[in-house]
Amino acid sequence: MRTYEYRRRRYFFIPLILVAVAAFSAVTMLLWNELMPLLFNLPAIGFWQALGLLILGRLFFGGGGPSGWWGRNRWRYGMEQRMSKMSPEEREEFFKKMRTRCRSWYSESPGEKEGMESDKPE
């Protein structure tokens, strides 16, 4: 059950987020208007165009959320789950295939490191 204080806190963050977005847009506009016309002969932009640039950059480059920086951890978690479900023979076969496909692949499992050393020519 959510208390009154929780609801009050939630409504406190909405204006805070709006102020942060406005500040980032203003800083983007000021930096653009100081640098880009001088360096690349581009026109000056307004506040709403700066906000649009921030949104466009978020769409192009991520910058957080499920598809951004945290998505890399999701891939690693999925790979760890697949590896934990493999038997030792399947895991050994997987690392053997990876060594033949990718010369720079190195295993982190303890039994695989000794096997890699034996593959080196003497």
PDB file of N, CA and C in Angstrom:
ATOM      1  N   MET A   1       0.837  -1.173   0.000  1.00  0.00           N
ATOM      2  CA  MET A   1       0.000   0.000   0.000  1.00  0.00           C
ATOM      3  C   MET A   1       0.891   1.249   0.000  1.00  0.00           C
ATOM      4  N   ARG A   2       0.582   2.146  -0.914  1.00  0.00           N
ATOM      5  CA  ARG A   2       1.386   3.362  -1.030  1.00  0.00           C
ATOM      6  C   ARG A   2       0.857   4.438  -0.112  1.00  0.00           C
ATOM      7  N   THR A   3       1.756   5.080   0.558  1.00  0.00           N
ATOM      8  CA  THR A   3       1.364   6.090   1.523  1.00  0.00           C
ATOM      9  C   THR A   3       1.262   7.458   0.849  1.00  0.00           C
ATOM     10  N   TYR A   4       0.766   8.395   1.604  1.00  0.00           N
ATOM     11  CA  TYR A   4       0.634   9.759   1.116  1.00  0.00           C
ATOM     12  C   TYR A   4       1.999  10.363   0.817  1.00  0.00           C
ATOM     13  N   GLU A   5       2.993  10.031   1.641  1.00  0.00           N
ATOM     14  CA  GLU A   5       4.337  10.572   1.438  1.00  0.00           C
ATOM     15  C   GLU A   5       4.938  10.089   0.126  1.00  0.00           C
ATOM     16  N   TYR A   6       4.657   8.833  -0.231  1.00  0.00           N
ATOM     17  CA  TYR A   6       5.159   8.295  -1.491  1.00  0.00           C
ATOM     18  C   TYR A   6       4.579   9.080  -2.667  1.00  0.00           C
ATOM     19  N   ARG A   7       3.276   9.339  -2.606  1.00  0.00           N
ATOM     20  CA  ARG A   7       2.634  10.103  -3.694  1.00  0.00           C
ATOM     21  C   ARG A   7       3.193  11.524  -3.757  1.00  0.00           C
ATOM     22  N   ARG A   8       3.435  12.112  -2.611  1.00  0.00           N
ATOM     23  CA  ARG A   8       3.986  13.460  -2.575  1.00  0.00           C
ATOM     24  C   ARG A   8       5.390  13.492  -3.171  1.00  0.00           C
ATOM     25  N   ARG A   9       6.181  12.466  -2.863  1.00  0.00           N
ATOM     26  CA  ARG A   9       7.531  12.378  -3.418  1.00  0.00           C
ATOM     27  C   ARG A   9       7.495  12.222  -4.934  1.00  0.00           C
ATOM     28  N   ARG A  10       6.550  11.414  -5.415  1.00  0.00           N
ATOM     29  CA  ARG A  10       6.442  11.195  -6.854  1.00  0.00           C
ATOM     30  C   ARG A  10       6.132  12.505  -7.568  1.00  0.00           C
ATOM     31  N   TYR A  11       5.263  13.317  -7.019  1.00  0.00           N
ATOM     32  CA  TYR A  11       4.932  14.586  -7.658  1.00  0.00           C
ATOM     33  C   TYR A  11       6.054  15.603  -7.537  1.00  0.00           C
ATOM     34  N   PHE A  12       6.971  15.404  -6.617  1.00  0.00           N
ATOM     35  CA  PHE A  12       8.129  16.270  -6.502  1.00  0.00           C
ATOM     36  C   PHE A  12       9.104  16.039  -7.654  1.00  0.00           C
ATOM     37  N   PHE A  13       9.212  14.789  -8.136  1.00  0.00           N
ATOM     38  CA  PHE A  13      10.179  14.469  -9.177  1.00  0.00           C
ATOM     39  C   PHE A  13       9.756  14.948 -10.562  1.00  0.00           C
ATOM     40  N   ILE A  14       8.478  15.103 -10.808  1.00  0.00           N
ATOM     41  CA  ILE A  14       8.018  15.550 -12.129  1.00  0.00           C
ATOM     42  C   ILE A  14       8.542  16.950 -12.444  1.00  0.00           C
ATOM     43  N   PRO A  15       8.359  17.948 -11.566  1.00  0.00           N
ATOM     44  CA  PRO A  15       8.943  19.267 -11.873  1.00  0.00           C
ATOM     45  C   PRO A  15      10.461  19.240 -11.923  1.00  0.00           C
ATOM     46  N   LEU A  16      11.086  18.399 -11.097  1.00  0.00           N
ATOM     47  CA  LEU A  16      12.536  18.287 -11.099  1.00  0.00           C
ATOM     48  C   LEU A  16      13.038  17.788 -12.452  1.00  0.00           C
ATOM     49  N   ILE A  17      12.363  16.815 -13.019  1.00  0.00           N
ATOM     50  CA  ILE A  17      12.737  16.289 -14.340  1.00  0.00           C
ATOM     51  C   ILE A  17      12.538  17.358 -15.412  1.00  0.00           C
ATOM     52  N   LEU A  18      11.431  18.094 -15.322  1.00  0.00           N
ATOM     53  CA  LEU A  18      11.183  19.158 -16.304  1.00  0.00           C
ATOM     54  C   LEU A  18      12.247  20.249 -16.229  1.00  0.00           C
ATOM     55  N   VAL A  19      12.669  20.599 -15.022  1.00  0.00           N
ATOM     56  CA  VAL A  19      13.717  21.609 -14.857  1.00  0.00           C
ATOM     57  C   VAL A  19      15.037  21.086 -15.423  1.00  0.00           C
ATOM     58  N   ALA A  20      15.348  19.810 -15.190  1.00  0.00           N
ATOM     59  CA  ALA A  20      16.583  19.236 -15.713  1.00  0.00           C
ATOM     60  C   ALA A  20      16.588  19.217 -17.240  1.00  0.00           C
ATOM     61  N   VAL A  21      15.462  18.848 -17.849  1.00  0.00           N
ATOM     62  CA  VAL A  21      15.374  18.841 -19.317  1.00  0.00           C
ATOM     63  C   VAL A  21      15.531  20.252 -19.866  1.00  0.00           C
ATOM     64  N   ALA A  22      14.904  21.228 -19.204  1.00  0.00           N
ATOM     65  CA  ALA A  22      15.030  22.628 -19.645  1.00  0.00           C
ATOM     66  C   ALA A  22      16.477  23.105 -19.511  1.00  0.00           C
ATOM     67  N   ALA A  23      17.145  22.714 -18.436  1.00  0.00           N
ATOM     68  CA  ALA A  23      18.538  23.134 -18.246  1.00  0.00           C
ATOM     69  C   ALA A  23      19.448  22.510 -19.305  1.00  0.00           C
ATOM     70  N   PHE A  24      19.271  21.206 -19.577  1.00  0.00           N
ATOM     71  CA  PHE A  24      20.078  20.562 -20.621  1.00  0.00           C
ATOM     72  C   PHE A  24      19.824  21.202 -21.983  1.00  0.00           C
ATOM     73  N   SER A  25      18.566  21.542 -22.264  1.00  0.00           N
ATOM     74  CA  SER A  25      18.250  22.184 -23.546  1.00  0.00           C
ATOM     75  C   SER A  25      18.895  23.562 -23.640  1.00  0.00           C
ATOM     76  N   ALA A  26      18.851  24.310 -22.557  1.00  0.00           N
ATOM     77  CA  ALA A  26      19.449  25.650 -22.563  1.00  0.00           C
ATOM     78  C   ALA A  26      20.963  25.572 -22.738  1.00  0.00           C
ATOM     79  N   VAL A  27      21.605  24.629 -22.059  1.00  0.00           N
ATOM     80  CA  VAL A  27      23.055  24.468 -22.196  1.00  0.00           C
ATOM     81  C   VAL A  27      23.402  24.042 -23.622  1.00  0.00           C
ATOM     82  N   THR A  28      22.607  23.117 -24.187  1.00  0.00           N
ATOM     83  CA  THR A  28      22.841  22.687 -25.571  1.00  0.00           C
ATOM     84  C   THR A  28      22.706  23.867 -26.529  1.00  0.00           C
ATOM     85  N   MET A  29      21.670  24.674 -26.332  1.00  0.00           N
ATOM     86  CA  MET A  29      21.453  25.837 -27.194  1.00  0.00           C
ATOM     87  C   MET A  29      22.618  26.826 -27.083  1.00  0.00           C
ATOM     88  N   LEU A  30      23.049  27.105 -25.857  1.00  0.00           N
ATOM     89  CA  LEU A  30      24.144  28.063 -25.673  1.00  0.00           C
ATOM     90  C   LEU A  30      25.455  27.557 -26.288  1.00  0.00           C
ATOM     91  N   LEU A  31      25.756  26.287 -26.059  1.00  0.00           N
ATOM     92  CA  LEU A  31      26.981  25.725 -26.639  1.00  0.00           C
ATOM     93  C   LEU A  31      26.924  25.710 -28.163  1.00  0.00           C
ATOM     94  N   TRP A  32      25.784  25.321 -28.711  1.00  0.00           N
ATOM     95  CA  TRP A  32      25.635  25.295 -30.169  1.00  0.00           C
ATOM     96  C   TRP A  32      25.835  26.703 -30.734  1.00  0.00           C
ATOM     97  N   ASN A  33      25.146  27.670 -30.136  1.00  0.00           N
ATOM     98  CA  ASN A  33      25.190  29.033 -30.665  1.00  0.00           C
ATOM     99  C   ASN A  33      26.565  29.680 -30.500  1.00  0.00           C
ATOM    100  N   GLU A  34      27.356  29.220 -29.539  1.00  0.00           N
ATOM    101  CA  GLU A  34      28.706  29.746 -29.382  1.00  0.00           C
ATOM    102  C   GLU A  34      29.705  29.074 -30.319  1.00  0.00           C
ATOM    103  N   LEU A  35      29.549  27.765 -30.548  1.00  0.00           N
ATOM    104  CA  LEU A  35      30.569  27.025 -31.285  1.00  0.00           C
ATOM    105  C   LEU A  35      30.249  26.792 -32.762  1.00  0.00           C
ATOM    106  N   MET A  36      29.079  26.302 -33.048  1.00  0.00           N
ATOM    107  CA  MET A  36      28.786  25.849 -34.411  1.00  0.00           C
ATOM    108  C   MET A  36      28.776  26.956 -35.462  1.00  0.00           C
ATOM    109  N   PRO A  37      28.195  28.136 -35.202  1.00  0.00           N
ATOM    110  CA  PRO A  37      28.270  29.184 -36.235  1.00  0.00           C
ATOM    111  C   PRO A  37      29.708  29.618 -36.535  1.00  0.00           C
ATOM    112  N   LEU A  38      30.554  29.645 -35.526  1.00  0.00           N
ATOM    113  CA  LEU A  38      31.940  30.062 -35.740  1.00  0.00           C
ATOM    114  C   LEU A  38      32.769  28.980 -36.431  1.00  0.00           C
ATOM    115  N   LEU A  39      32.577  27.733 -36.022  1.00  0.00           N
ATOM    116  CA  LEU A  39      33.407  26.654 -36.550  1.00  0.00           C
ATOM    117  C   LEU A  39      32.952  26.152 -37.919  1.00  0.00           C
ATOM    118  N   PHE A  40      31.637  25.990 -38.088  1.00  0.00           N
ATOM    119  CA  PHE A  40      31.133  25.334 -39.306  1.00  0.00           C
ATOM    120  C   PHE A  40      30.148  26.180 -40.105  1.00  0.00           C
ATOM    121  N   ASN A  41      30.005  27.459 -39.765  1.00  0.00           N
ATOM    122  CA  ASN A  41      29.067  28.363 -40.442  1.00  0.00           C
ATOM    123  C   ASN A  41      27.632  27.825 -40.441  1.00  0.00           C
ATOM    124  N   LEU A  42      27.224  27.212 -39.342  1.00  0.00           N
ATOM    125  CA  LEU A  42      25.849  26.728 -39.201  1.00  0.00           C
ATOM    126  C   LEU A  42      25.009  27.811 -38.540  1.00  0.00           C
ATOM    127  N   PRO A  43      23.690  27.789 -38.762  1.00  0.00           N
ATOM    128  CA  PRO A  43      22.849  28.836 -38.161  1.00  0.00           C
ATOM    129  C   PRO A  43      22.688  28.623 -36.653  1.00  0.00           C
ATOM    130  N   ALA A  44      22.337  29.700 -35.973  1.00  0.00           N
ATOM    131  CA  ALA A  44      22.036  29.617 -34.543  1.00  0.00           C
ATOM    132  C   ALA A  44      20.686  28.918 -34.369  1.00  0.00           C
ATOM    133  N   ILE A  45      20.479  28.282 -33.212  1.00  0.00           N
ATOM    134  CA  ILE A  45      19.238  27.554 -32.959  1.00  0.00           C
ATOM    135  C   ILE A  45      18.553  28.130 -31.731  1.00  0.00           C
ATOM    136  N   GLY A  46      17.269  27.821 -31.611  1.00  0.00           N
ATOM    137  CA  GLY A  46      16.487  28.247 -30.457  1.00  0.00           C
ATOM    138  C   GLY A  46      16.357  27.126 -29.439  1.00  0.00           C
ATOM    139  N   PHE A  47      15.618  27.427 -28.373  1.00  0.00           N
ATOM    140  CA  PHE A  47      15.449  26.477 -27.275  1.00  0.00           C
ATOM    141  C   PHE A  47      14.796  25.183 -27.739  1.00  0.00           C
ATOM    142  N   TRP A  48      13.718  25.275 -28.506  1.00  0.00           N
ATOM    143  CA  TRP A  48      12.976  24.076 -28.927  1.00  0.00           C
ATOM    144  C   TRP A  48      13.786  23.249 -29.920  1.00  0.00           C
ATOM    145  N   GLN A  49      14.586  23.904 -30.731  1.00  0.00           N
ATOM    146  CA  GLN A  49      15.465  23.155 -31.629  1.00  0.00           C
ATOM    147  C   GLN A  49      16.545  22.421 -30.843  1.00  0.00           C
ATOM    148  N   ALA A  50      17.031  23.026 -29.775  1.00  0.00           N
ATOM    149  CA  ALA A  50      18.011  22.361 -28.918  1.00  0.00           C
ATOM    150  C   ALA A  50      17.388  21.145 -28.234  1.00  0.00           C
ATOM    151  N   LEU A  51      16.153  21.289 -27.784  1.00  0.00           N
ATOM    152  CA  LEU A  51      15.447  20.156 -27.191  1.00  0.00           C
ATOM    153  C   LEU A  51      15.278  19.043 -28.218  1.00  0.00           C
ATOM    154  N   GLY A  52      14.960  19.417 -29.449  1.00  0.00           N
ATOM    155  CA  GLY A  52      14.843  18.425 -30.525  1.00  0.00           C
ATOM    156  C   GLY A  52      16.167  17.727 -30.791  1.00  0.00           C
ATOM    157  N   LEU A  53      17.271  18.473 -30.726  1.00  0.00           N
ATOM    158  CA  LEU A  53      18.588  17.853 -30.894  1.00  0.00           C
ATOM    159  C   LEU A  53      18.879  16.837 -29.781  1.00  0.00           C
ATOM    160  N   LEU A  54      18.517  17.180 -28.558  1.00  0.00           N
ATOM    161  CA  LEU A  54      18.717  16.245 -27.450  1.00  0.00           C
ATOM    162  C   LEU A  54      17.903  14.966 -27.652  1.00  0.00           C
ATOM    163  N   ILE A  55      16.661  15.110 -28.072  1.00  0.00           N
ATOM    164  CA  ILE A  55      15.815  13.933 -28.317  1.00  0.00           C
ATOM    165  C   ILE A  55      16.370  13.111 -29.470  1.00  0.00           C
ATOM    166  N   LEU A  56      16.803  13.783 -30.532  1.00  0.00           N
ATOM    167  CA  LEU A  56      17.382  13.081 -31.672  1.00  0.00           C
ATOM    168  C   LEU A  56      18.650  12.331 -31.282  1.00  0.00           C
ATOM    169  N   GLY A  57      19.498  12.958 -30.478  1.00  0.00           N
ATOM    170  CA  GLY A  57      20.702  12.279 -29.989  1.00  0.00           C
ATOM    171  C   GLY A  57      20.364  11.077 -29.138  1.00  0.00           C
ATOM    172  N   ARG A  58      19.316  11.176 -28.327  1.00  0.00           N
ATOM    173  CA  ARG A  58      18.876  10.044 -27.499  1.00  0.00           C
ATOM    174  C   ARG A  58      18.389   8.898 -28.376  1.00  0.00           C
ATOM    175  N   LEU A  59      17.670   9.223 -29.432  1.00  0.00           N
ATOM    176  CA  LEU A  59      17.180   8.183 -30.336  1.00  0.00           C
ATOM    177  C   LEU A  59      18.317   7.508 -31.098  1.00  0.00           C
ATOM    178  N   PHE A  60      19.291   8.303 -31.543  1.00  0.00           N
ATOM    179  CA  PHE A  60      20.394   7.743 -32.328  1.00  0.00           C
ATOM    180  C   PHE A  60      21.400   6.972 -31.490  1.00  0.00           C
ATOM    181  N   PHE A  61      21.733   7.507 -30.330  1.00  0.00           N
ATOM    182  CA  PHE A  61      22.847   6.959 -29.569  1.00  0.00           C
ATOM    183  C   PHE A  61      22.456   6.276 -28.274  1.00  0.00           C
ATOM    184  N   GLY A  62      21.189   6.164 -27.971  1.00  0.00           N
ATOM    185  CA  GLY A  62      20.780   5.493 -26.737  1.00  0.00           C
ATOM    186  C   GLY A  62      20.994   6.389 -25.547  1.00  0.00           C
ATOM    187  N   GLY A  63      21.915   6.021 -24.703  1.00  0.00           N
ATOM    188  CA  GLY A  63      22.222   6.849 -23.547  1.00  0.00           C
ATOM    189  C   GLY A  63      21.425   6.465 -22.318  1.00  0.00           C
ATOM    190  N   GLY A  64      21.203   5.201 -22.108  1.00  0.00           N
ATOM    191  CA  GLY A  64      20.471   4.754 -20.936  1.00  0.00           C
ATOM    192  C   GLY A  64      19.242   3.963 -21.340  1.00  0.00           C
ATOM    193  N   GLY A  65      18.575   3.427 -20.371  1.00  0.00           N
ATOM    194  CA  GLY A  65      17.391   2.640 -20.640  1.00  0.00           C
ATOM    195  C   GLY A  65      17.731   1.235 -21.099  1.00  0.00           C
ATOM    196  N   PRO A  66      16.714   0.436 -21.397  1.00  0.00           N
ATOM    197  CA  PRO A  66      16.934  -0.966 -21.762  1.00  0.00           C
ATOM    198  C   PRO A  66      17.785  -1.165 -23.003  1.00  0.00           C
ATOM    199  N   SER A  67      17.695  -0.247 -23.958  1.00  0.00           N
ATOM    200  CA  SER A  67      18.477  -0.440 -25.181  1.00  0.00           C
ATOM    201  C   SER A  67      19.805   0.307 -25.153  1.00  0.00           C
ATOM    202  N   GLY A  68      20.067   1.024 -24.084  1.00  0.00           N
ATOM    203  CA  GLY A  68      21.294   1.798 -24.005  1.00  0.00           C
ATOM    204  C   GLY A  68      22.398   1.052 -23.296  1.00  0.00           C
ATOM    205  N   TRP A  69      22.989   1.707 -22.303  1.00  0.00           N
ATOM    206  CA  TRP A  69      24.145   1.147 -21.601  1.00  0.00           C
ATOM    207  C   TRP A  69      23.820  -0.139 -20.876  1.00  0.00           C
ATOM    208  N   TRP A  70      22.613  -0.248 -20.323  1.00  0.00           N
ATOM    209  CA  TRP A  70      22.270  -1.433 -19.542  1.00  0.00           C
ATOM    210  C   TRP A  70      22.007  -2.634 -20.428  1.00  0.00           C
ATOM    211  N   GLY A  71      21.793  -2.439 -21.712  1.00  0.00           N
ATOM    212  CA  GLY A  71      21.558  -3.559 -22.619  1.00  0.00           C
ATOM    213  C   GLY A  71      22.760  -4.482 -22.717  1.00  0.00           C
ATOM    214  N   ARG A  72      23.951  -3.960 -22.528  1.00  0.00           N
ATOM    215  CA  ARG A  72      25.160  -4.783 -22.577  1.00  0.00           C
ATOM    216  C   ARG A  72      25.178  -5.782 -21.433  1.00  0.00           C
ATOM    217  N   ASN A  73      24.733  -5.361 -20.264  1.00  0.00           N
ATOM    218  CA  ASN A  73      24.668  -6.276 -19.133  1.00  0.00           C
ATOM    219  C   ASN A  73      23.624  -7.360 -19.382  1.00  0.00           C
ATOM    220  N   ARG A  74      22.560  -7.013 -20.089  1.00  0.00           N
ATOM    221  CA  ARG A  74      21.531  -7.996 -20.403  1.00  0.00           C
ATOM    222  C   ARG A  74      22.109  -9.094 -21.294  1.00  0.00           C
ATOM    223  N   TRP A  75      22.976  -8.741 -22.262  1.00  0.00           N
ATOM    224  CA  TRP A  75      23.606  -9.737 -23.119  1.00  0.00           C
ATOM    225  C   TRP A  75      24.499 -10.654 -22.283  1.00  0.00           C
ATOM    226  N   ARG A  76      25.270 -10.065 -21.395  1.00  0.00           N
ATOM    227  CA  ARG A  76      26.163 -10.866 -20.554  1.00  0.00           C
ATOM    228  C   ARG A  76      25.376 -11.804 -19.657  1.00  0.00           C
ATOM    229  N   TYR A  77      24.269 -11.313 -19.088  1.00  0.00           N
ATOM    230  CA  TYR A  77      23.436 -12.151 -18.241  1.00  0.00           C
ATOM    231  C   TYR A  77      22.870 -13.323 -19.037  1.00  0.00           C
ATOM    232  N   GLY A  78      22.406 -13.058 -20.250  1.00  0.00           N
ATOM    233  CA  GLY A  78      21.873 -14.122 -21.097  1.00  0.00           C
ATOM    234  C   GLY A  78      22.929 -15.157 -21.445  1.00  0.00           C
ATOM    235  N   MET A  79      24.140 -14.695 -21.717  1.00  0.00           N
ATOM    236  CA  MET A  79      25.224 -15.618 -22.041  1.00  0.00           C
ATOM    237  C   MET A  79      25.590 -16.465 -20.825  1.00  0.00           C
ATOM    238  N   GLU A  80      25.608 -15.874 -19.644  1.00  0.00           N
ATOM    239  CA  GLU A  80      25.892 -16.639 -18.430  1.00  0.00           C
ATOM    240  C   GLU A  80      24.814 -17.690 -18.188  1.00  0.00           C
ATOM    241  N   GLN A  81      23.560 -17.335 -18.473  1.00  0.00           N
ATOM    242  CA  GLN A  81      22.477 -18.300 -18.302  1.00  0.00           C
ATOM    243  C   GLN A  81      22.634 -19.480 -19.259  1.00  0.00           C
ATOM    244  N   ARG A  82      22.979 -19.199 -20.510  1.00  0.00           N
ATOM    245  CA  ARG A  82      23.181 -20.282 -21.483  1.00  0.00           C
ATOM    246  C   ARG A  82      24.343 -21.186 -21.083  1.00  0.00           C
ATOM    247  N   MET A  83      25.424 -20.553 -20.604  1.00  0.00           N
ATOM    248  CA  MET A  83      26.602 -21.336 -20.211  1.00  0.00           C
ATOM    249  C   MET A  83      26.301 -22.210 -18.992  1.00  0.00           C
ATOM    250  N   SER A  84      25.484 -21.713 -18.073  1.00  0.00           N
ATOM    251  CA  SER A  84      25.188 -22.499 -16.872  1.00  0.00           C
ATOM    252  C   SER A  84      24.315 -23.714 -17.196  1.00  0.00           C
ATOM    253  N   LYS A  85      23.550 -23.643 -18.277  1.00  0.00           N
ATOM    254  CA  LYS A  85      22.692 -24.767 -18.657  1.00  0.00           C
ATOM    255  C   LYS A  85      23.434 -25.817 -19.472  1.00  0.00           C
ATOM    256  N   MET A  86      24.651 -25.495 -19.919  1.00  0.00           N
ATOM    257  CA  MET A  86      25.415 -26.452 -20.731  1.00  0.00           C
ATOM    258  C   MET A  86      26.110 -27.474 -19.841  1.00  0.00           C
ATOM    259  N   SER A  87      26.222 -28.674 -20.358  1.00  0.00           N
ATOM    260  CA  SER A  87      27.004 -29.692 -19.661  1.00  0.00           C
ATOM    261  C   SER A  87      28.489 -29.389 -19.888  1.00  0.00           C
ATOM    262  N   PRO A  88      29.387 -30.000 -19.110  1.00  0.00           N
ATOM    263  CA  PRO A  88      30.819 -29.747 -19.318  1.00  0.00           C
ATOM    264  C   PRO A  88      31.281 -30.110 -20.736  1.00  0.00           C
ATOM    265  N   GLU A  89      30.710 -31.164 -21.317  1.00  0.00           N
ATOM    266  CA  GLU A  89      31.086 -31.550 -22.683  1.00  0.00           C
ATOM    267  C   GLU A  89      30.624 -30.500 -23.695  1.00  0.00           C
ATOM    268  N   GLU A  90      29.406 -29.987 -23.517  1.00  0.00           N
ATOM    269  CA  GLU A  90      28.895 -28.955 -24.430  1.00  0.00           C
ATOM    270  C   GLU A  90      29.716 -27.674 -24.297  1.00  0.00           C
ATOM    271  N   ARG A  91      30.082 -27.331 -23.062  1.00  0.00           N
ATOM    272  CA  ARG A  91      30.887 -26.143 -22.836  1.00  0.00           C
ATOM    273  C   ARG A  91      32.258 -26.280 -23.492  1.00  0.00           C
ATOM    274  N   GLU A  92      32.861 -27.463 -23.378  1.00  0.00           N
ATOM    275  CA  GLU A  92      34.161 -27.703 -23.997  1.00  0.00           C
ATOM    276  C   GLU A  92      34.054 -27.603 -25.517  1.00  0.00           C
ATOM    277  N   GLU A  93      32.986 -28.148 -26.081  1.00  0.00           N
ATOM    278  CA  GLU A  93      32.768 -28.072 -27.530  1.00  0.00           C
ATOM    279  C   GLU A  93      32.569 -26.614 -27.969  1.00  0.00           C
ATOM    280  N   PHE A  94      31.834 -25.847 -27.167  1.00  0.00           N
ATOM    281  CA  PHE A  94      31.609 -24.435 -27.476  1.00  0.00           C
ATOM    282  C   PHE A  94      32.932 -23.671 -27.521  1.00  0.00           C
ATOM    283  N   PHE A  95      33.783 -23.852 -26.490  1.00  0.00           N
ATOM    284  CA  PHE A  95      35.056 -23.141 -26.460  1.00  0.00           C
ATOM    285  C   PHE A  95      35.981 -23.605 -27.584  1.00  0.00           C
ATOM    286  N   LYS A  96      35.903 -24.858 -27.946  1.00  0.00           N
ATOM    287  CA  LYS A  96      36.724 -25.376 -29.047  1.00  0.00           C
ATOM    288  C   LYS A  96      36.318 -24.702 -30.356  1.00  0.00           C
ATOM    289  N   LYS A  97      35.008 -24.580 -30.591  1.00  0.00           N
ATOM    290  CA  LYS A  97      34.535 -23.895 -31.801  1.00  0.00           C
ATOM    291  C   LYS A  97      34.931 -22.421 -31.795  1.00  0.00           C
ATOM    292  N   MET A  98      34.848 -21.783 -30.632  1.00  0.00           N
ATOM    293  CA  MET A  98      35.199 -20.369 -30.559  1.00  0.00           C
ATOM    294  C   MET A  98      36.690 -20.165 -30.812  1.00  0.00           C
ATOM    295  N   ARG A  99      37.526 -21.092 -30.358  1.00  0.00           N
ATOM    296  CA  ARG A  99      38.963 -20.962 -30.622  1.00  0.00           C
ATOM    297  C   ARG A  99      39.258 -21.092 -32.106  1.00  0.00           C
ATOM    298  N   THR A 100      38.524 -21.935 -32.821  1.00  0.00           N
ATOM    299  CA  THR A 100      38.783 -22.077 -34.259  1.00  0.00           C
ATOM    300  C   THR A 100      38.226 -20.895 -35.044  1.00  0.00           C
ATOM    301  N   ARG A 101      37.126 -20.312 -34.593  1.00  0.00           N
ATOM    302  CA  ARG A 101      36.517 -19.188 -35.312  1.00  0.00           C
ATOM    303  C   ARG A 101      37.189 -17.869 -34.985  1.00  0.00           C
ATOM    304  N   CYS A 102      37.511 -17.656 -33.735  1.00  0.00           N
ATOM    305  CA  CYS A 102      38.075 -16.379 -33.284  1.00  0.00           C
ATOM    306  C   CYS A 102      39.425 -16.651 -32.646  1.00  0.00           C
ATOM    307  N   ARG A 103      40.482 -16.216 -33.271  1.00  0.00           N
ATOM    308  CA  ARG A 103      41.824 -16.486 -32.751  1.00  0.00           C
ATOM    309  C   ARG A 103      42.073 -15.782 -31.429  1.00  0.00           C
ATOM    310  N   SER A 104      41.390 -14.667 -31.173  1.00  0.00           N
ATOM    311  CA  SER A 104      41.642 -13.919 -29.942  1.00  0.00           C
ATOM    312  C   SER A 104      40.710 -14.330 -28.809  1.00  0.00           C
ATOM    313  N   TRP A 105      39.924 -15.393 -28.978  1.00  0.00           N
ATOM    314  CA  TRP A 105      38.993 -15.836 -27.942  1.00  0.00           C
ATOM    315  C   TRP A 105      39.769 -16.550 -26.840  1.00  0.00           C
ATOM    316  N   TYR A 106      39.574 -16.118 -25.605  1.00  0.00           N
ATOM    317  CA  TYR A 106      40.194 -16.783 -24.469  1.00  0.00           C
ATOM    318  C   TYR A 106      39.111 -17.143 -23.475  1.00  0.00           C
ATOM    319  N   SER A 107      39.188 -18.314 -22.955  1.00  0.00           N
ATOM    320  CA  SER A 107      38.186 -18.807 -22.022  1.00  0.00           C
ATOM    321  C   SER A 107      38.494 -18.329 -20.619  1.00  0.00           C
ATOM    322  N   GLU A 108      37.441 -18.159 -19.840  1.00  0.00           N
ATOM    323  CA  GLU A 108      37.625 -17.803 -18.446  1.00  0.00           C
ATOM    324  C   GLU A 108      37.380 -18.989 -17.540  1.00  0.00           C
ATOM    325  N   SER A 109      37.008 -20.123 -18.105  1.00  0.00           N
ATOM    326  CA  SER A 109      36.771 -21.285 -17.258  1.00  0.00           C
ATOM    327  C   SER A 109      38.103 -21.938 -16.936  1.00  0.00           C
ATOM    328  N   PRO A 110      38.263 -22.505 -15.729  1.00  0.00           N
ATOM    329  CA  PRO A 110      39.571 -23.005 -15.296  1.00  0.00           C
ATOM    330  C   PRO A 110      40.104 -24.137 -16.157  1.00  0.00           C
ATOM    331  N   GLY A 111      39.257 -25.049 -16.603  1.00  0.00           N
ATOM    332  CA  GLY A 111      39.739 -26.195 -17.369  1.00  0.00           C
ATOM    333  C   GLY A 111      40.162 -25.840 -18.774  1.00  0.00           C
ATOM    334  N   GLU A 112      39.678 -24.743 -19.292  1.00  0.00           N
ATOM    335  CA  GLU A 112      39.956 -24.379 -20.675  1.00  0.00           C
ATOM    336  C   GLU A 112      41.330 -23.756 -20.837  1.00  0.00           C
ATOM    337  N   LYS A 113      41.850 -23.091 -19.828  1.00  0.00           N
ATOM    338  CA  LYS A 113      43.131 -22.399 -19.968  1.00  0.00           C
ATOM    339  C   LYS A 113      44.276 -23.379 -20.164  1.00  0.00           C
ATOM    340  N   GLU A 114      44.209 -24.533 -19.501  1.00  0.00           N
ATOM    341  CA  GLU A 114      45.269 -25.514 -19.711  1.00  0.00           C
ATOM    342  C   GLU A 114      45.201 -26.071 -21.123  1.00  0.00           C
ATOM    343  N   GLY A 115      43.976 -26.240 -21.644  1.00  0.00           N
ATOM    344  CA  GLY A 115      43.819 -26.761 -22.996  1.00  0.00           C
ATOM    345  C   GLY A 115      44.360 -25.808 -24.032  1.00  0.00           C
ATOM    346  N   MET A 116      44.268 -24.527 -23.789  1.00  0.00           N
ATOM    347  CA  MET A 116      44.763 -23.548 -24.742  1.00  0.00           C
ATOM    348  C   MET A 116      46.285 -23.535 -24.765  1.00  0.00           C
ATOM    349  N   GLU A 117      46.897 -23.761 -23.627  1.00  0.00           N
ATOM    350  CA  GLU A 117      48.355 -23.758 -23.588  1.00  0.00           C
ATOM    351  C   GLU A 117      48.921 -24.925 -24.378  1.00  0.00           C
ATOM    352  N   SER A 118      48.189 -26.043 -24.418  1.00  0.00           N
ATOM    353  CA  SER A 118      48.689 -27.210 -25.159  1.00  0.00           C
ATOM    354  C   SER A 118      48.553 -27.003 -26.659  1.00  0.00           C
ATOM    355  N   ASP A 119      47.716 -26.038 -27.101  1.00  0.00           N
ATOM    356  CA  ASP A 119      47.561 -25.769 -28.530  1.00  0.00           C
ATOM    357  C   ASP A 119      48.728 -24.964 -29.085  1.00  0.00           C
ATOM    358  N   LYS A 120      49.499 -24.318 -28.229  1.00  0.00           N
ATOM    359  CA  LYS A 120      50.616 -23.492 -28.689  1.00  0.00           C
ATOM    360  C   LYS A 120      51.756 -24.367 -29.202  1.00  0.00           C
ATOM    361  N   PRO A 121      52.404 -23.960 -30.302  1.00  0.00           N
ATOM    362  CA  PRO A 121      53.561 -24.739 -30.784  1.00  0.00           C
ATOM    363  C   PRO A 121      54.742 -24.579 -29.852  1.00  0.00           C
ATOM    364  N   GLU A 122      55.561 -25.602 -29.794  1.00  0.00           N
ATOM    365  CA  GLU A 122      56.717 -25.576 -28.885  1.00  0.00           C
ATOM    366  C   GLU A 122      57.944 -25.028 -29.565  1.00  0.00           C
TER     367      GLU A 122
END
